[in-house]
């Protein structure tokens, strides 16, 4: 995977297919800079990769938290509905 492909993949993972503007806001850069990184026209600085990695870790933690809560909710709902009366 090239750096441009990796950048594109992380942008899509974080924000979906239309990620240029939100990625630019996250990284505090211009949209055209994000486009250059996405297209492989310029090198993504190491600090930007670090910022992206941190955001991915934070999102994974948030997803894990709500996944556990949802599983608990579903279990409780199933038990409640299975109980007569």
N, C-alpha and C. Protein backbone atom coordinates (compact mmCIF):
# COMPACT_ATOMS: atom_id res chain seq x y z
N UNK A 1 0.85 -1.18 0.00
CA UNK A 1 0.00 0.00 0.00
C UNK A 1 0.90 1.24 0.00
N UNK A 2 0.62 2.12 -0.92
CA UNK A 2 1.41 3.36 -0.99
C UNK A 2 0.96 4.32 0.12
N UNK A 3 1.80 5.31 0.44
CA UNK A 3 1.36 6.31 1.42
C UNK A 3 0.06 7.01 1.01
N UNK A 4 -0.11 7.28 -0.28
CA UNK A 4 -1.34 7.93 -0.76
C UNK A 4 -2.54 7.01 -0.53
N UNK A 5 -2.38 5.73 -0.79
CA UNK A 5 -3.47 4.77 -0.57
C UNK A 5 -3.79 4.65 0.92
N UNK A 6 -2.76 4.65 1.74
CA UNK A 6 -2.96 4.61 3.19
C UNK A 6 -3.68 5.86 3.67
N UNK A 7 -3.27 7.01 3.18
CA UNK A 7 -3.92 8.27 3.55
C UNK A 7 -5.39 8.25 3.13
N UNK A 8 -5.65 7.81 1.92
CA UNK A 8 -7.02 7.73 1.42
C UNK A 8 -7.84 6.75 2.28
N UNK A 9 -7.26 5.63 2.62
CA UNK A 9 -7.96 4.65 3.44
C UNK A 9 -8.29 5.18 4.83
N UNK A 10 -7.35 5.90 5.42
CA UNK A 10 -7.62 6.44 6.75
C UNK A 10 -8.67 7.55 6.67
N UNK A 11 -8.62 8.35 5.63
CA UNK A 11 -9.64 9.38 5.46
C UNK A 11 -11.03 8.78 5.33
N UNK A 12 -11.14 7.73 4.54
CA UNK A 12 -12.44 7.06 4.35
C UNK A 12 -12.89 6.38 5.64
N UNK A 13 -11.95 5.78 6.37
CA UNK A 13 -12.31 5.11 7.62
C UNK A 13 -12.82 6.11 8.66
N UNK A 14 -12.22 7.28 8.69
CA UNK A 14 -12.62 8.29 9.68
C UNK A 14 -13.89 9.04 9.29
N UNK A 15 -14.04 9.37 8.00
CA UNK A 15 -15.10 10.30 7.61
C UNK A 15 -15.99 9.83 6.46
N UNK A 16 -15.74 8.67 5.89
CA UNK A 16 -16.51 8.23 4.74
C UNK A 16 -15.89 8.70 3.43
N UNK A 17 -16.63 8.51 2.36
CA UNK A 17 -16.08 8.78 1.02
C UNK A 17 -15.78 10.26 0.77
N UNK A 18 -16.51 11.14 1.41
CA UNK A 18 -16.31 12.59 1.20
C UNK A 18 -15.58 13.11 2.44
N UNK A 19 -14.27 12.87 2.48
CA UNK A 19 -13.52 13.13 3.71
C UNK A 19 -12.57 14.31 3.64
N UNK A 20 -12.41 14.93 2.48
CA UNK A 20 -11.37 15.96 2.34
C UNK A 20 -11.59 17.12 3.31
N UNK A 21 -12.78 17.69 3.34
CA UNK A 21 -13.03 18.84 4.21
C UNK A 21 -12.92 18.47 5.70
N UNK A 22 -13.55 17.38 6.16
CA UNK A 22 -13.39 17.07 7.58
C UNK A 22 -11.96 16.67 7.96
N UNK A 23 -11.24 16.04 7.04
CA UNK A 23 -9.84 15.69 7.32
C UNK A 23 -9.00 16.96 7.40
N UNK A 24 -9.27 17.91 6.53
CA UNK A 24 -8.55 19.18 6.58
C UNK A 24 -8.81 19.89 7.90
N UNK A 25 -10.06 19.87 8.35
CA UNK A 25 -10.40 20.50 9.63
C UNK A 25 -9.71 19.79 10.79
N UNK A 26 -9.72 18.48 10.76
CA UNK A 26 -9.05 17.70 11.82
C UNK A 26 -7.57 18.05 11.90
N UNK A 27 -6.94 18.15 10.74
CA UNK A 27 -5.50 18.36 10.69
C UNK A 27 -5.09 19.83 10.64
N UNK A 28 -6.09 20.70 10.58
CA UNK A 28 -5.85 22.15 10.53
C UNK A 28 -4.98 22.54 9.33
N UNK A 29 -5.38 22.01 8.17
CA UNK A 29 -4.69 22.33 6.91
C UNK A 29 -5.74 22.68 5.87
N UNK A 30 -5.29 23.17 4.73
CA UNK A 30 -6.18 23.50 3.63
C UNK A 30 -6.67 22.24 2.93
N UNK A 31 -7.87 22.31 2.34
CA UNK A 31 -8.42 21.15 1.63
C UNK A 31 -7.51 20.72 0.48
N UNK A 32 -6.89 21.68 -0.20
CA UNK A 32 -6.02 21.30 -1.32
C UNK A 32 -4.80 20.52 -0.84
N UNK A 33 -4.36 20.77 0.39
CA UNK A 33 -3.24 20.01 0.96
C UNK A 33 -3.65 18.55 1.16
N UNK A 34 -4.84 18.36 1.69
CA UNK A 34 -5.36 16.99 1.85
C UNK A 34 -5.46 16.30 0.49
N UNK A 35 -5.93 17.03 -0.51
CA UNK A 35 -6.02 16.47 -1.86
C UNK A 35 -4.66 16.08 -2.43
N UNK A 36 -3.65 16.88 -2.16
CA UNK A 36 -2.30 16.54 -2.62
C UNK A 36 -1.77 15.29 -1.93
N UNK A 37 -2.03 15.16 -0.64
CA UNK A 37 -1.61 13.94 0.08
C UNK A 37 -2.36 12.74 -0.45
N UNK A 38 -3.68 12.90 -0.66
CA UNK A 38 -4.52 11.81 -1.16
C UNK A 38 -4.04 11.34 -2.53
N UNK A 39 -3.66 12.30 -3.37
CA UNK A 39 -3.26 11.98 -4.74
C UNK A 39 -1.78 11.60 -4.86
N UNK A 40 -1.04 11.63 -3.76
CA UNK A 40 0.37 11.29 -3.78
C UNK A 40 1.25 12.37 -4.38
N UNK A 41 0.74 13.59 -4.47
CA UNK A 41 1.51 14.69 -5.06
C UNK A 41 2.48 15.32 -4.07
N UNK A 42 2.26 15.10 -2.79
CA UNK A 42 3.21 15.56 -1.77
C UNK A 42 3.24 14.56 -0.62
N UNK A 43 4.30 14.63 0.14
CA UNK A 43 4.54 13.69 1.23
C UNK A 43 3.78 14.11 2.47
N UNK A 44 3.13 13.15 3.10
CA UNK A 44 2.41 13.40 4.36
C UNK A 44 3.45 13.51 5.47
N UNK A 45 3.48 14.64 6.19
CA UNK A 45 4.46 14.79 7.27
C UNK A 45 4.21 13.78 8.41
N UNK A 46 5.26 13.42 9.09
CA UNK A 46 5.17 12.46 10.19
C UNK A 46 4.19 12.93 11.26
N UNK A 47 4.18 14.22 11.57
CA UNK A 47 3.25 14.75 12.57
C UNK A 47 1.79 14.56 12.17
N UNK A 48 1.52 14.62 10.88
CA UNK A 48 0.16 14.40 10.38
C UNK A 48 -0.22 12.94 10.57
N UNK A 49 0.71 12.03 10.25
CA UNK A 49 0.44 10.61 10.49
C UNK A 49 0.15 10.35 11.97
N UNK A 50 0.90 11.00 12.83
CA UNK A 50 0.66 10.84 14.27
C UNK A 50 -0.72 11.34 14.66
N UNK A 51 -1.13 12.47 14.12
CA UNK A 51 -2.46 13.01 14.42
C UNK A 51 -3.55 12.06 13.93
N UNK A 52 -3.36 11.51 12.74
CA UNK A 52 -4.33 10.56 12.20
C UNK A 52 -4.39 9.31 13.07
N UNK A 53 -3.23 8.80 13.47
CA UNK A 53 -3.20 7.61 14.32
C UNK A 53 -3.92 7.85 15.64
N UNK A 54 -3.70 9.00 16.23
CA UNK A 54 -4.36 9.34 17.49
C UNK A 54 -5.87 9.40 17.31
N UNK A 55 -6.32 10.00 16.23
CA UNK A 55 -7.76 10.07 15.97
C UNK A 55 -8.35 8.68 15.76
N UNK A 56 -7.65 7.83 15.04
CA UNK A 56 -8.12 6.45 14.85
C UNK A 56 -8.23 5.71 16.18
N UNK A 57 -7.23 5.85 17.03
CA UNK A 57 -7.25 5.20 18.34
C UNK A 57 -8.42 5.73 19.17
N UNK A 58 -8.62 7.04 19.17
CA UNK A 58 -9.73 7.62 19.92
C UNK A 58 -11.07 7.12 19.42
N UNK A 59 -11.22 7.06 18.12
CA UNK A 59 -12.49 6.58 17.54
C UNK A 59 -12.71 5.10 17.85
N UNK A 60 -11.65 4.32 17.80
CA UNK A 60 -11.78 2.89 18.12
C UNK A 60 -12.24 2.72 19.57
N UNK A 61 -11.69 3.52 20.46
CA UNK A 61 -12.09 3.45 21.87
C UNK A 61 -13.55 3.83 22.04
N UNK A 62 -13.99 4.87 21.35
CA UNK A 62 -15.38 5.30 21.44
C UNK A 62 -16.31 4.24 20.85
N UNK A 63 -15.91 3.64 19.74
CA UNK A 63 -16.72 2.59 19.13
C UNK A 63 -16.81 1.38 20.06
N UNK A 64 -15.71 1.01 20.66
CA UNK A 64 -15.73 -0.11 21.59
C UNK A 64 -16.66 0.16 22.76
N UNK A 65 -16.62 1.36 23.30
CA UNK A 65 -17.47 1.72 24.43
C UNK A 65 -18.95 1.60 24.08
N UNK A 66 -19.35 2.16 22.94
CA UNK A 66 -20.77 2.08 22.59
C UNK A 66 -21.17 0.69 22.13
N UNK A 67 -20.23 -0.08 21.59
CA UNK A 67 -20.54 -1.46 21.20
C UNK A 67 -20.87 -2.29 22.44
N UNK A 68 -20.08 -2.14 23.49
CA UNK A 68 -20.34 -2.86 24.74
C UNK A 68 -21.69 -2.43 25.32
N UNK A 69 -21.94 -1.14 25.34
CA UNK A 69 -23.20 -0.63 25.88
C UNK A 69 -24.39 -1.14 25.07
N UNK A 70 -24.25 -1.16 23.75
CA UNK A 70 -25.33 -1.66 22.90
C UNK A 70 -25.57 -3.14 23.14
N UNK A 71 -24.52 -3.92 23.28
CA UNK A 71 -24.67 -5.36 23.54
C UNK A 71 -25.40 -5.58 24.87
N UNK A 72 -25.06 -4.80 25.87
CA UNK A 72 -25.74 -4.92 27.17
C UNK A 72 -27.21 -4.54 27.05
N UNK A 73 -27.48 -3.49 26.30
CA UNK A 73 -28.86 -3.05 26.10
C UNK A 73 -29.67 -4.13 25.37
N UNK A 74 -29.10 -4.68 24.32
CA UNK A 74 -29.80 -5.71 23.56
C UNK A 74 -30.07 -6.94 24.43
N UNK A 75 -29.10 -7.33 25.23
CA UNK A 75 -29.28 -8.48 26.11
C UNK A 75 -30.42 -8.22 27.09
N UNK A 76 -30.42 -7.04 27.70
CA UNK A 76 -31.47 -6.69 28.66
C UNK A 76 -32.84 -6.66 27.98
N UNK A 77 -32.91 -6.10 26.78
CA UNK A 77 -34.18 -6.05 26.04
C UNK A 77 -34.67 -7.45 25.69
N UNK A 78 -33.78 -8.31 25.27
CA UNK A 78 -34.17 -9.68 24.93
C UNK A 78 -34.68 -10.41 26.17
N UNK A 79 -34.01 -10.21 27.29
CA UNK A 79 -34.45 -10.85 28.53
C UNK A 79 -35.80 -10.29 28.97
N UNK A 80 -35.97 -8.99 28.84
CA UNK A 80 -37.23 -8.35 29.23
C UNK A 80 -38.38 -8.87 28.37
N UNK A 81 -38.15 -9.01 27.09
CA UNK A 81 -39.21 -9.46 26.18
C UNK A 81 -39.50 -10.95 26.33
N UNK A 82 -38.50 -11.69 26.80
CA UNK A 82 -38.70 -13.13 26.98
C UNK A 82 -39.42 -13.46 28.27
N UNK A 83 -39.50 -12.50 29.19
CA UNK A 83 -40.15 -12.72 30.47
C UNK A 83 -41.65 -12.48 30.32
N UNK A 84 -42.45 -13.48 30.65
CA UNK A 84 -43.91 -13.31 30.52
C UNK A 84 -44.45 -12.27 31.50
N UNK A 85 -45.49 -11.58 31.04
CA UNK A 85 -46.26 -10.71 31.90
C UNK A 85 -45.71 -9.40 32.09
